Full PDB file with SEQRES, HELIX, SHEET, SSBOND, CRYST1, ORIGX, SCALE, CONECT and MASTER records, all heavy atoms in Angstrom:
SEQRES   1 A   35  MET ARG ASN THR SER PHE GLU LEU ILE GLY ARG GLY ARG          
SEQRES   2 A   35  PHE ALA ASP ALA GLU LYS LEU LEU ASP LEU ALA GLU LYS          
SEQRES   3 A   35  ASP TYR PRO ARG GLY LEU VAL GLN ARG                          
HELIX    1 AA1 ARG A    2  GLY A   10  1                                   9    
HELIX    2 AA2 PHE A   14  ASP A   27  1                                  14    
CRYST1    1.000    1.000    1.000  90.00  90.00  90.00 P 1           1          
ORIGX1      1.000000  0.000000  0.000000        0.00000                         
ORIGX2      0.000000  1.000000  0.000000        0.00000                         
ORIGX3      0.000000  0.000000  1.000000        0.00000                         
SCALE1      1.000000  0.000000  0.000000        0.00000                         
SCALE2      0.000000  1.000000  0.000000        0.00000                         
SCALE3      0.000000  0.000000  1.000000        0.00000                         
ATOM      1  N   MET A   1     -39.592  -2.663   2.607  1.00  0.00           N  
ATOM      2  CA  MET A   1     -39.845  -3.211   3.920  1.00  0.00           C  
ATOM      3  C   MET A   1     -41.218  -2.757   4.370  1.00  0.00           C  
ATOM      4  O   MET A   1     -42.067  -3.672   4.693  1.00  0.00           O  
ATOM      5  CB  MET A   1     -38.783  -2.782   5.041  1.00  0.00           C  
ATOM      6  CG  MET A   1     -39.078  -3.132   6.421  1.00  0.00           C  
ATOM      7  SD  MET A   1     -40.264  -2.200   7.527  1.00  0.00           S  
ATOM      8  CE  MET A   1     -39.708  -0.470   7.396  1.00  0.00           C  
ATOM      9  N   ARG A   2     -41.492  -1.460   4.474  1.00  0.00           N  
ATOM     10  CA  ARG A   2     -42.775  -1.038   5.092  1.00  0.00           C  
ATOM     11  C   ARG A   2     -43.962  -1.468   4.373  1.00  0.00           C  
ATOM     12  O   ARG A   2     -44.994  -1.824   4.836  1.00  0.00           O  
ATOM     13  CB  ARG A   2     -42.770   0.442   5.364  1.00  0.00           C  
ATOM     14  CG  ARG A   2     -42.670   1.309   4.193  1.00  0.00           C  
ATOM     15  CD  ARG A   2     -42.599   2.718   4.608  1.00  0.00           C  
ATOM     16  NE  ARG A   2     -42.409   3.535   3.428  1.00  0.00           N  
ATOM     17  CZ  ARG A   2     -42.133   4.795   3.420  1.00  0.00           C  
ATOM     18  NH1 ARG A   2     -41.966   5.373   4.605  1.00  0.00           N  
ATOM     19  NH2 ARG A   2     -41.940   5.464   2.385  1.00  0.00           N  
ATOM     20  N   ASN A   3     -43.895  -1.486   2.970  1.00  0.00           N  
ATOM     21  CA  ASN A   3     -44.960  -1.929   2.207  1.00  0.00           C  
ATOM     22  C   ASN A   3     -45.248  -3.350   2.318  1.00  0.00           C  
ATOM     23  O   ASN A   3     -46.355  -3.883   2.447  1.00  0.00           O  
ATOM     24  CB  ASN A   3     -44.780  -1.539   0.773  1.00  0.00           C  
ATOM     25  CG  ASN A   3     -44.890  -0.064   0.452  1.00  0.00           C  
ATOM     26  OD1 ASN A   3     -45.519   0.702   1.231  1.00  0.00           O  
ATOM     27  ND2 ASN A   3     -44.307   0.418  -0.577  1.00  0.00           N  
ATOM     28  N   THR A   4     -44.150  -4.227   2.267  1.00  0.00           N  
ATOM     29  CA  THR A   4     -44.329  -5.598   2.350  1.00  0.00           C  
ATOM     30  C   THR A   4     -44.847  -6.042   3.749  1.00  0.00           C  
ATOM     31  O   THR A   4     -45.796  -6.800   3.924  1.00  0.00           O  
ATOM     32  CB  THR A   4     -42.984  -6.259   2.096  1.00  0.00           C  
ATOM     33  OG1 THR A   4     -42.499  -5.968   0.723  1.00  0.00           O  
ATOM     34  CG2 THR A   4     -43.062  -7.802   2.249  1.00  0.00           C  
ATOM     35  N   SER A   5     -44.283  -5.456   4.780  1.00  0.00           N  
ATOM     36  CA  SER A   5     -44.761  -5.777   6.147  1.00  0.00           C  
ATOM     37  C   SER A   5     -46.234  -5.341   6.277  1.00  0.00           C  
ATOM     38  O   SER A   5     -47.057  -6.019   6.970  1.00  0.00           O  
ATOM     39  CB  SER A   5     -43.880  -5.129   7.240  1.00  0.00           C  
ATOM     40  OG  SER A   5     -43.766  -3.756   7.016  1.00  0.00           O  
ATOM     41  N   PHE A   6     -46.597  -4.159   5.809  1.00  0.00           N  
ATOM     42  CA  PHE A   6     -47.989  -3.659   5.911  1.00  0.00           C  
ATOM     43  C   PHE A   6     -48.886  -4.672   5.185  1.00  0.00           C  
ATOM     44  O   PHE A   6     -50.008  -4.966   5.644  1.00  0.00           O  
ATOM     45  CB  PHE A   6     -48.089  -2.297   5.349  1.00  0.00           C  
ATOM     46  CG  PHE A   6     -49.322  -1.699   5.620  1.00  0.00           C  
ATOM     47  CD1 PHE A   6     -49.722  -1.327   6.975  1.00  0.00           C  
ATOM     48  CD2 PHE A   6     -50.240  -1.343   4.562  1.00  0.00           C  
ATOM     49  CE1 PHE A   6     -51.016  -0.698   7.118  1.00  0.00           C  
ATOM     50  CE2 PHE A   6     -51.492  -0.834   4.781  1.00  0.00           C  
ATOM     51  CZ  PHE A   6     -51.833  -0.454   6.099  1.00  0.00           C  
ATOM     52  N   GLU A   7     -48.491  -5.188   4.016  1.00  0.00           N  
ATOM     53  CA  GLU A   7     -49.261  -6.047   3.267  1.00  0.00           C  
ATOM     54  C   GLU A   7     -49.467  -7.358   4.078  1.00  0.00           C  
ATOM     55  O   GLU A   7     -50.568  -7.928   4.112  1.00  0.00           O  
ATOM     56  CB  GLU A   7     -48.725  -6.346   1.905  1.00  0.00           C  
ATOM     57  CG  GLU A   7     -49.386  -7.437   1.091  1.00  0.00           C  
ATOM     58  CD  GLU A   7     -48.817  -7.623  -0.310  1.00  0.00           C  
ATOM     59  OE1 GLU A   7     -48.080  -6.843  -0.756  1.00  0.00           O  
ATOM     60  OE2 GLU A   7     -48.969  -8.760  -0.752  1.00  0.00           O  
ATOM     61  N   LEU A   8     -48.388  -7.844   4.714  1.00  0.00           N  
ATOM     62  CA  LEU A   8     -48.447  -9.077   5.553  1.00  0.00           C  
ATOM     63  C   LEU A   8     -49.409  -8.816   6.678  1.00  0.00           C  
ATOM     64  O   LEU A   8     -50.132  -9.752   7.008  1.00  0.00           O  
ATOM     65  CB  LEU A   8     -47.032  -9.449   6.026  1.00  0.00           C  
ATOM     66  CG  LEU A   8     -46.097  -9.951   4.906  1.00  0.00           C  
ATOM     67  CD1 LEU A   8     -44.771 -10.105   5.426  1.00  0.00           C  
ATOM     68  CD2 LEU A   8     -46.635 -11.290   4.387  1.00  0.00           C  
ATOM     69  N   ILE A   9     -49.395  -7.649   7.372  1.00  0.00           N  
ATOM     70  CA  ILE A   9     -50.328  -7.365   8.416  1.00  0.00           C  
ATOM     71  C   ILE A   9     -51.678  -7.482   7.919  1.00  0.00           C  
ATOM     72  O   ILE A   9     -52.666  -8.103   8.535  1.00  0.00           O  
ATOM     73  CB  ILE A   9     -50.066  -6.039   8.967  1.00  0.00           C  
ATOM     74  CG1 ILE A   9     -48.673  -5.980   9.668  1.00  0.00           C  
ATOM     75  CG2 ILE A   9     -51.243  -5.632   9.973  1.00  0.00           C  
ATOM     76  CD1 ILE A   9     -48.131  -4.692  10.042  1.00  0.00           C  
ATOM     77  N   GLY A  10     -52.021  -6.956   6.731  1.00  0.00           N  
ATOM     78  CA  GLY A  10     -53.370  -7.003   6.161  1.00  0.00           C  
ATOM     79  C   GLY A  10     -53.839  -8.344   5.934  1.00  0.00           C  
ATOM     80  O   GLY A  10     -54.955  -8.670   5.993  1.00  0.00           O  
ATOM     81  N   ARG A  11     -52.920  -9.239   5.543  1.00  0.00           N  
ATOM     82  CA  ARG A  11     -53.220 -10.692   5.351  1.00  0.00           C  
ATOM     83  C   ARG A  11     -53.271 -11.509   6.634  1.00  0.00           C  
ATOM     84  O   ARG A  11     -53.542 -12.730   6.566  1.00  0.00           O  
ATOM     85  CB  ARG A  11     -52.268 -11.298   4.405  1.00  0.00           C  
ATOM     86  CG  ARG A  11     -52.286 -10.699   2.972  1.00  0.00           C  
ATOM     87  CD  ARG A  11     -51.235 -11.342   2.125  1.00  0.00           C  
ATOM     88  NE  ARG A  11     -51.265 -10.899   0.851  1.00  0.00           N  
ATOM     89  CZ  ARG A  11     -50.722 -11.400  -0.193  1.00  0.00           C  
ATOM     90  NH1 ARG A  11     -49.965 -12.513  -0.085  1.00  0.00           N  
ATOM     91  NH2 ARG A  11     -50.738 -10.924  -1.446  1.00  0.00           N  
ATOM     92  N   GLY A  12     -52.998 -10.913   7.754  1.00  0.00           N  
ATOM     93  CA  GLY A  12     -52.954 -11.661   9.010  1.00  0.00           C  
ATOM     94  C   GLY A  12     -51.749 -12.381   9.327  1.00  0.00           C  
ATOM     95  O   GLY A  12     -51.711 -13.230  10.188  1.00  0.00           O  
ATOM     96  N   ARG A  13     -50.688 -12.115   8.537  1.00  0.00           N  
ATOM     97  CA  ARG A  13     -49.464 -12.839   8.648  1.00  0.00           C  
ATOM     98  C   ARG A  13     -48.497 -12.064   9.641  1.00  0.00           C  
ATOM     99  O   ARG A  13     -47.468 -11.536   9.162  1.00  0.00           O  
ATOM    100  CB  ARG A  13     -48.836 -13.144   7.307  1.00  0.00           C  
ATOM    101  CG  ARG A  13     -49.659 -14.118   6.503  1.00  0.00           C  
ATOM    102  CD  ARG A  13     -49.205 -14.346   5.135  1.00  0.00           C  
ATOM    103  NE  ARG A  13     -47.707 -14.734   5.061  1.00  0.00           N  
ATOM    104  CZ  ARG A  13     -46.963 -14.773   4.008  1.00  0.00           C  
ATOM    105  NH1 ARG A  13     -47.507 -14.402   2.856  1.00  0.00           N  
ATOM    106  NH2 ARG A  13     -45.758 -15.094   4.049  1.00  0.00           N  
ATOM    107  N   PHE A  14     -48.956 -11.980  10.902  1.00  0.00           N  
ATOM    108  CA  PHE A  14     -48.196 -11.109  11.826  1.00  0.00           C  
ATOM    109  C   PHE A  14     -46.745 -11.475  12.127  1.00  0.00           C  
ATOM    110  O   PHE A  14     -45.876 -10.650  12.187  1.00  0.00           O  
ATOM    111  CB  PHE A  14     -49.037 -10.991  13.137  1.00  0.00           C  
ATOM    112  CG  PHE A  14     -50.420 -10.614  12.918  1.00  0.00           C  
ATOM    113  CD1 PHE A  14     -51.481 -11.097  13.694  1.00  0.00           C  
ATOM    114  CD2 PHE A  14     -50.779  -9.641  12.014  1.00  0.00           C  
ATOM    115  CE1 PHE A  14     -52.808 -10.747  13.508  1.00  0.00           C  
ATOM    116  CE2 PHE A  14     -52.104  -9.183  11.861  1.00  0.00           C  
ATOM    117  CZ  PHE A  14     -53.163  -9.794  12.596  1.00  0.00           C  
ATOM    118  N   ALA A  15     -46.515 -12.826  12.211  1.00  0.00           N  
ATOM    119  CA  ALA A  15     -45.194 -13.226  12.518  1.00  0.00           C  
ATOM    120  C   ALA A  15     -44.214 -12.892  11.412  1.00  0.00           C  
ATOM    121  O   ALA A  15     -43.088 -12.472  11.637  1.00  0.00           O  
ATOM    122  CB  ALA A  15     -45.165 -14.783  12.855  1.00  0.00           C  
ATOM    123  N   ASP A  16     -44.710 -13.093  10.190  1.00  0.00           N  
ATOM    124  CA  ASP A  16     -43.861 -12.729   9.051  1.00  0.00           C  
ATOM    125  C   ASP A  16     -43.638 -11.211   8.974  1.00  0.00           C  
ATOM    126  O   ASP A  16     -42.479 -10.816   8.674  1.00  0.00           O  
ATOM    127  CB  ASP A  16     -44.461 -13.244   7.731  1.00  0.00           C  
ATOM    128  CG  ASP A  16     -44.573 -14.690   7.607  1.00  0.00           C  
ATOM    129  OD1 ASP A  16     -43.748 -15.413   8.165  1.00  0.00           O  
ATOM    130  OD2 ASP A  16     -45.499 -15.157   6.854  1.00  0.00           O  
ATOM    131  N   ALA A  17     -44.567 -10.434   9.203  1.00  0.00           N  
ATOM    132  CA  ALA A  17     -44.486  -9.072   9.245  1.00  0.00           C  
ATOM    133  C   ALA A  17     -43.460  -8.579  10.339  1.00  0.00           C  
ATOM    134  O   ALA A  17     -42.569  -7.766  10.160  1.00  0.00           O  
ATOM    135  CB  ALA A  17     -45.765  -8.290   9.467  1.00  0.00           C  
ATOM    136  N   GLU A  18     -43.513  -9.192  11.509  1.00  0.00           N  
ATOM    137  CA  GLU A  18     -42.615  -8.923  12.626  1.00  0.00           C  
ATOM    138  C   GLU A  18     -41.204  -9.329  12.278  1.00  0.00           C  
ATOM    139  O   GLU A  18     -40.295  -8.493  12.656  1.00  0.00           O  
ATOM    140  CB  GLU A  18     -43.168  -9.673  13.875  1.00  0.00           C  
ATOM    141  CG  GLU A  18     -44.289  -9.040  14.406  1.00  0.00           C  
ATOM    142  CD  GLU A  18     -44.886  -9.835  15.617  1.00  0.00           C  
ATOM    143  OE1 GLU A  18     -44.864 -11.140  15.529  1.00  0.00           O  
ATOM    144  OE2 GLU A  18     -45.381  -9.251  16.602  1.00  0.00           O  
ATOM    145  N   LYS A  19     -40.947 -10.272  11.547  1.00  0.00           N  
ATOM    146  CA  LYS A  19     -39.559 -10.661  11.138  1.00  0.00           C  
ATOM    147  C   LYS A  19     -38.975  -9.554  10.263  1.00  0.00           C  
ATOM    148  O   LYS A  19     -37.897  -9.186  10.415  1.00  0.00           O  
ATOM    149  CB  LYS A  19     -39.589 -11.957  10.338  1.00  0.00           C  
ATOM    150  CG  LYS A  19     -39.774 -13.192  11.313  1.00  0.00           C  
ATOM    151  CD  LYS A  19     -39.847 -14.483  10.476  1.00  0.00           C  
ATOM    152  CE  LYS A  19     -40.196 -15.613  11.348  1.00  0.00           C  
ATOM    153  NZ  LYS A  19     -40.438 -16.875  10.578  1.00  0.00           N  
ATOM    154  N   LEU A  20     -39.835  -9.042   9.319  1.00  0.00           N  
ATOM    155  CA  LEU A  20     -39.408  -7.972   8.426  1.00  0.00           C  
ATOM    156  C   LEU A  20     -39.076  -6.696   9.245  1.00  0.00           C  
ATOM    157  O   LEU A  20     -38.081  -5.943   9.033  1.00  0.00           O  
ATOM    158  CB  LEU A  20     -40.339  -7.600   7.320  1.00  0.00           C  
ATOM    159  CG  LEU A  20     -40.369  -8.644   6.219  1.00  0.00           C  
ATOM    160  CD1 LEU A  20     -41.528  -8.231   5.277  1.00  0.00           C  
ATOM    161  CD2 LEU A  20     -39.100  -8.784   5.462  1.00  0.00           C  
ATOM    162  N   LEU A  21     -39.999  -6.444  10.265  1.00  0.00           N  
ATOM    163  CA  LEU A  21     -39.810  -5.210  11.036  1.00  0.00           C  
ATOM    164  C   LEU A  21     -38.578  -5.374  11.924  1.00  0.00           C  
ATOM    165  O   LEU A  21     -37.814  -4.380  12.137  1.00  0.00           O  
ATOM    166  CB  LEU A  21     -41.035  -5.000  11.916  1.00  0.00           C  
ATOM    167  CG  LEU A  21     -42.321  -4.650  11.173  1.00  0.00           C  
ATOM    168  CD1 LEU A  21     -43.517  -4.595  12.074  1.00  0.00           C  
ATOM    169  CD2 LEU A  21     -42.157  -3.303  10.457  1.00  0.00           C  
ATOM    170  N   ASP A  22     -38.286  -6.604  12.402  1.00  0.00           N  
ATOM    171  CA  ASP A  22     -37.013  -6.807  13.124  1.00  0.00           C  
ATOM    172  C   ASP A  22     -35.796  -6.425  12.299  1.00  0.00           C  
ATOM    173  O   ASP A  22     -34.891  -5.826  12.881  1.00  0.00           O  
ATOM    174  CB  ASP A  22     -36.946  -8.267  13.639  1.00  0.00           C  
ATOM    175  CG  ASP A  22     -37.972  -8.618  14.801  1.00  0.00           C  
ATOM    176  OD1 ASP A  22     -38.609  -7.725  15.377  1.00  0.00           O  
ATOM    177  OD2 ASP A  22     -38.154  -9.857  14.936  1.00  0.00           O  
ATOM    178  N   LEU A  23     -35.837  -7.020  11.176  1.00  0.00           N  
ATOM    179  CA  LEU A  23     -34.644  -6.698  10.269  1.00  0.00           C  
ATOM    180  C   LEU A  23     -34.525  -5.193   9.902  1.00  0.00           C  
ATOM    181  O   LEU A  23     -33.443  -4.711  10.005  1.00  0.00           O  
ATOM    182  CB  LEU A  23     -34.835  -7.433   8.982  1.00  0.00           C  
ATOM    183  CG  LEU A  23     -34.656  -8.984   9.025  1.00  0.00           C  
ATOM    184  CD1 LEU A  23     -35.101  -9.594   7.632  1.00  0.00           C  
ATOM    185  CD2 LEU A  23     -33.181  -9.347   9.457  1.00  0.00           C  
ATOM    186  N   ALA A  24     -35.610  -4.535   9.686  1.00  0.00           N  
ATOM    187  CA  ALA A  24     -35.632  -3.119   9.319  1.00  0.00           C  
ATOM    188  C   ALA A  24     -35.087  -2.270  10.593  1.00  0.00           C  
ATOM    189  O   ALA A  24     -34.257  -1.418  10.391  1.00  0.00           O  
ATOM    190  CB  ALA A  24     -36.940  -2.684   8.907  1.00  0.00           C  
ATOM    191  N   GLU A  25     -35.584  -2.673  11.651  1.00  0.00           N  
ATOM    192  CA  GLU A  25     -35.204  -1.885  12.900  1.00  0.00           C  
ATOM    193  C   GLU A  25     -33.681  -2.158  13.259  1.00  0.00           C  
ATOM    194  O   GLU A  25     -32.979  -1.259  13.694  1.00  0.00           O  
ATOM    195  CB  GLU A  25     -36.020  -2.294  14.107  1.00  0.00           C  
ATOM    196  CG  GLU A  25     -37.514  -1.702  13.964  1.00  0.00           C  
ATOM    197  CD  GLU A  25     -38.347  -2.284  15.052  1.00  0.00           C  
ATOM    198  OE1 GLU A  25     -38.343  -3.477  15.335  1.00  0.00           O  
ATOM    199  OE2 GLU A  25     -39.125  -1.490  15.618  1.00  0.00           O  
ATOM    200  N   LYS A  26     -33.235  -3.341  12.955  1.00  0.00           N  
ATOM    201  CA  LYS A  26     -31.788  -3.607  13.210  1.00  0.00           C  
ATOM    202  C   LYS A  26     -30.917  -2.802  12.158  1.00  0.00           C  
ATOM    203  O   LYS A  26     -29.912  -2.301  12.588  1.00  0.00           O  
ATOM    204  CB  LYS A  26     -31.578  -5.076  13.028  1.00  0.00           C  
ATOM    205  CG  LYS A  26     -30.047  -5.516  13.253  1.00  0.00           C  
ATOM    206  CD  LYS A  26     -29.930  -7.032  13.007  1.00  0.00           C  
ATOM    207  CE  LYS A  26     -28.479  -7.430  13.205  1.00  0.00           C  
ATOM    208  NZ  LYS A  26     -28.230  -8.749  12.716  1.00  0.00           N  
ATOM    209  N   ASP A  27     -31.339  -2.805  10.946  1.00  0.00           N  
ATOM    210  CA  ASP A  27     -30.562  -2.071   9.892  1.00  0.00           C  
ATOM    211  C   ASP A  27     -30.637  -0.538  10.035  1.00  0.00           C  
ATOM    212  O   ASP A  27     -29.705   0.123   9.596  1.00  0.00           O  
ATOM    213  CB  ASP A  27     -30.990  -2.581   8.575  1.00  0.00           C  
ATOM    214  CG  ASP A  27     -30.599  -3.993   8.191  1.00  0.00           C  
ATOM    215  OD1 ASP A  27     -29.799  -4.530   8.898  1.00  0.00           O  
ATOM    216  OD2 ASP A  27     -31.226  -4.495   7.246  1.00  0.00           O  
ATOM    217  N   TYR A  28     -31.688  -0.098  10.534  1.00  0.00           N  
ATOM    218  CA  TYR A  28     -31.945   1.397  10.636  1.00  0.00           C  
ATOM    219  C   TYR A  28     -32.402   1.677  12.079  1.00  0.00           C  
ATOM    220  O   TYR A  28     -33.648   1.853  12.319  1.00  0.00           O  
ATOM    221  CB  TYR A  28     -33.031   1.841   9.697  1.00  0.00           C  
ATOM    222  CG  TYR A  28     -32.679   1.532   8.171  1.00  0.00           C  
ATOM    223  CD1 TYR A  28     -33.059   0.426   7.568  1.00  0.00           C  
ATOM    224  CD2 TYR A  28     -31.880   2.378   7.515  1.00  0.00           C  
ATOM    225  CE1 TYR A  28     -32.759   0.118   6.252  1.00  0.00           C  
ATOM    226  CE2 TYR A  28     -31.440   2.188   6.217  1.00  0.00           C  
ATOM    227  CZ  TYR A  28     -31.908   0.989   5.613  1.00  0.00           C  
ATOM    228  OH  TYR A  28     -31.569   0.640   4.307  1.00  0.00           O  
ATOM    229  N   PRO A  29     -31.497   1.832  12.996  1.00  0.00           N  
ATOM    230  CA  PRO A  29     -31.801   1.935  14.400  1.00  0.00           C  
ATOM    231  C   PRO A  29     -32.372   3.314  14.819  1.00  0.00           C  
ATOM    232  O   PRO A  29     -32.802   3.534  15.928  1.00  0.00           O  
ATOM    233  CB  PRO A  29     -30.528   1.682  15.114  1.00  0.00           C  
ATOM    234  CG  PRO A  29     -29.427   2.059  14.185  1.00  0.00           C  
ATOM    235  CD  PRO A  29     -30.050   1.740  12.764  1.00  0.00           C  
ATOM    236  N   ARG A  30     -32.540   4.232  13.851  1.00  0.00           N  
ATOM    237  CA  ARG A  30     -33.086   5.540  14.184  1.00  0.00           C  
ATOM    238  C   ARG A  30     -34.011   6.097  13.072  1.00  0.00           C  
ATOM    239  O   ARG A  30     -34.000   5.569  11.992  1.00  0.00           O  
ATOM    240  CB  ARG A  30     -31.878   6.576  14.325  1.00  0.00           C  
ATOM    241  CG  ARG A  30     -31.114   6.446  15.608  1.00  0.00           C  
ATOM    242  CD  ARG A  30     -30.096   7.460  15.683  1.00  0.00           C  
ATOM    243  NE  ARG A  30     -29.018   6.656  15.959  1.00  0.00           N  
ATOM    244  CZ  ARG A  30     -27.732   6.758  15.634  1.00  0.00           C  
ATOM    245  NH1 ARG A  30     -27.286   7.695  15.117  1.00  0.00           N  
ATOM    246  NH2 ARG A  30     -26.824   5.945  15.931  1.00  0.00           N  
ATOM    247  N   GLY A  31     -34.734   7.041  13.416  1.00  0.00           N  
ATOM    248  CA  GLY A  31     -35.455   7.792  12.440  1.00  0.00           C  
ATOM    249  C   GLY A  31     -36.796   7.224  11.965  1.00  0.00           C  
ATOM    250  O   GLY A  31     -37.483   6.605  12.673  1.00  0.00           O  
ATOM    251  N   LEU A  32     -36.981   7.528  10.709  1.00  0.00           N  
ATOM    252  CA  LEU A  32     -38.361   7.192  10.087  1.00  0.00           C  
ATOM    253  C   LEU A  32     -38.610   5.719  10.071  1.00  0.00           C  
ATOM    254  O   LEU A  32     -39.722   5.312  10.409  1.00  0.00           O  
ATOM    255  CB  LEU A  32     -38.307   7.750   8.675  1.00  0.00           C  
ATOM    256  CG  LEU A  32     -39.646   7.566   7.936  1.00  0.00           C  
ATOM    257  CD1 LEU A  32     -40.841   8.213   8.663  1.00  0.00           C  
ATOM    258  CD2 LEU A  32     -39.588   8.058   6.540  1.00  0.00           C  
ATOM    259  N   VAL A  33     -37.657   4.858   9.806  1.00  0.00           N  
ATOM    260  CA  VAL A  33     -37.934   3.389   9.878  1.00  0.00           C  
ATOM    261  C   VAL A  33     -38.436   3.039  11.247  1.00  0.00           C  
ATOM    262  O   VAL A  33     -39.351   2.140  11.323  1.00  0.00           O  
ATOM    263  CB  VAL A  33     -36.701   2.663   9.356  1.00  0.00           C  
ATOM    264  CG1 VAL A  33     -36.934   1.093   9.624  1.00  0.00           C  
ATOM    265  CG2 VAL A  33     -36.342   2.954   7.932  1.00  0.00           C  
ATOM    266  N   GLN A  34     -37.808   3.569  12.221  1.00  0.00           N  
ATOM    267  CA  GLN A  34     -38.268   3.079  13.625  1.00  0.00           C  
ATOM    268  C   GLN A  34     -39.703   3.602  13.850  1.00  0.00           C  
ATOM    269  O   GLN A  34     -40.512   2.888  14.536  1.00  0.00           O  
ATOM    270  CB  GLN A  34     -37.364   3.792  14.656  1.00  0.00           C  
ATOM    271  CG  GLN A  34     -35.946   3.190  14.626  1.00  0.00           C  
ATOM    272  CD  GLN A  34     -35.872   1.841  15.067  1.00  0.00           C  
ATOM    273  OE1 GLN A  34     -36.473   1.379  16.085  1.00  0.00           O  
ATOM    274  NE2 GLN A  34     -35.096   0.969  14.337  1.00  0.00           N  
ATOM    275  N   ARG A  35     -40.098   4.836  13.395  1.00  0.00           N  
ATOM    276  CA  ARG A  35     -41.437   5.238  13.530  1.00  0.00           C  
ATOM    277  C   ARG A  35     -42.439   4.415  12.749  1.00  0.00           C  
ATOM    278  O   ARG A  35     -43.444   3.974  13.342  1.00  0.00           O  
ATOM    279  CB  ARG A  35     -41.501   6.781  13.035  1.00  0.00           C  
ATOM    280  CG  ARG A  35     -42.941   7.265  13.286  1.00  0.00           C  
ATOM    281  CD  ARG A  35     -42.889   8.802  12.989  1.00  0.00           C  
ATOM    282  NE  ARG A  35     -42.007   9.527  13.819  1.00  0.00           N  
ATOM    283  CZ  ARG A  35     -42.357  10.634  14.380  1.00  0.00           C  
ATOM    284  NH1 ARG A  35     -43.509  11.264  14.116  1.00  0.00           N  
ATOM    285  NH2 ARG A  35     -41.613  11.240  15.181  1.00  0.00           N  
TER     286      ARG A  35                                                      
MASTER        0    0    0    2    0    0    0    6  285    1    0    3          
END                                                                             
C-alpha cells in the first residue's frame, strides 16, 4: 500500500493514492499504517 500510494503521489495521481490510503486506513485503523 504505502509504496504504491507514494508512487502515485509522485506521479500526480492523487485521487488514486487517496483510494489506496482509504482502504489501508479502513483495514488497519491503528498504528503505523495510520501514521
